[in-house]
Amino acid sequence: LLNVSGAECITPERVFHGLPAVMRRAALVLQVLLLWQLALGAAPAFSSLRSRAAARRPQVVPFRSSCSRSTSTTRVVSPAIGTNAALERFVPPARRWPGASIIACIRALSLAVWLYGLGIIFATLIALVLPVVKRRDPLHRRLTDRLIMMWCKTLLWPFFSVKVRGTENLPADGQGCVFVSNHQSFMDILSLYSLNHSFKFVSKKSILKIPVVGFAMTATNTITLERSDNRSQMKVFRNCVDVLKKGVSIFIFPEGTRSKDGHLLDFKKGPFSMARRAKVPMLPITINGTGRIMPSKKEYLLYFSRAGVEIVVHPMIPAEEVTAAEDKDLQDRVRSTIESAMPPSLSSQAEESAHNEEPQQA
């Protein structure tokens, strides 16, 4: 197929040169895509072989006695018991194989092209049904939510998988609830639509300036705010409490911004005050793997990850317990619940132990 000289030596070349120009170009593009997929799969295949070989050997880790700092022994820990390997696969690696950033840039560009290619179809459908939705379902706008769910799942399907656990903990349709989760990447928003549940994001207003995406978020009644404007924050707070009382669920990232290293940041008290004021339950959710695929503040990179993304829906905190608990106790409870399904290396205990070991090593 790469013979561009025009020599028709054998039957396949004769057939290929007899095809229309569009089909010949499509065949060349298909070959490039196949070679690209082979390049993507080669490194993870070799790394999986190395990980399987390492899993057969017991891990030897240092053990420090609590009685004396000077004494140190070793202990043998089974990989299945000592470390949670099933969750550690979602942690971004310390080093990536050569050429991974170049391929990640190509994948991110492909995602953008695929996003706007699908946007032509789904944005048109949203624009067609929006007048009917505004008249019949002006508050929930479930039909536009369904179209955006289909858009996001079709968008992410060629690049990585999204697995959801604990769907039985989702609230009933028409019940107001405050969804809260950790925030690692821009892929969090797209992945959360795999929950197949209608809710409204509370997001910064600048996202509405993105072409096509901003139109879709406006059509689904996304609540936006200006971070630096206190008046805008109070208006959004009252708006969220009002829609929660009317049975609309909202989704808020209590950290307020994306975490750079995957560890949970300090929680803002806004989501908890909203749930208490509206007297609605809270639903903690854990997102794993998005920081490995697209790091924070690096939307131009989309790394390959065989683990994909995992979303864990925890049991709901009833409205009675939300209103009765103190702010600090409620925040600690939600934080510990979200951390319970995160990789151990990203938990607050691991972070504290790392800080405590630094002075001893010095």
Foldseek 3Di string as FASTA:
>chain_A
DPPPPLDDDDDVSVVLVPDDPVVNVVVVVVVVVVVLVVVQPPVVVVVVVVVVVVLVDWDKDKDADPVDRVDIDIDTDHCVPPFPVLQVLLAADPDDDPPQQVSQLVVLVVLVVLLVVVLVVLLVVLVVCLVVCCVPPVQQSVVLLVSLLVSLCVSCVVAFDEAEPDLVQDDDQLAEEEEEEAAWAPCVVSNVSVSVHGAAEEEAPVQLVPPSRVSSNVSRPHHHAHPVDPVRVVVSLVVLLVSNLRRHYYYYHQQRFHDQRLAGHDGDLSSLVSLLSSLAKYKYKEKTNNCNQAGPPRSSGGGHRHSGMYMYTDHIGHSVCSNPDDSVVVSVVSLVVRQVSHGPCRYPVVVVVVVVVVVVVD
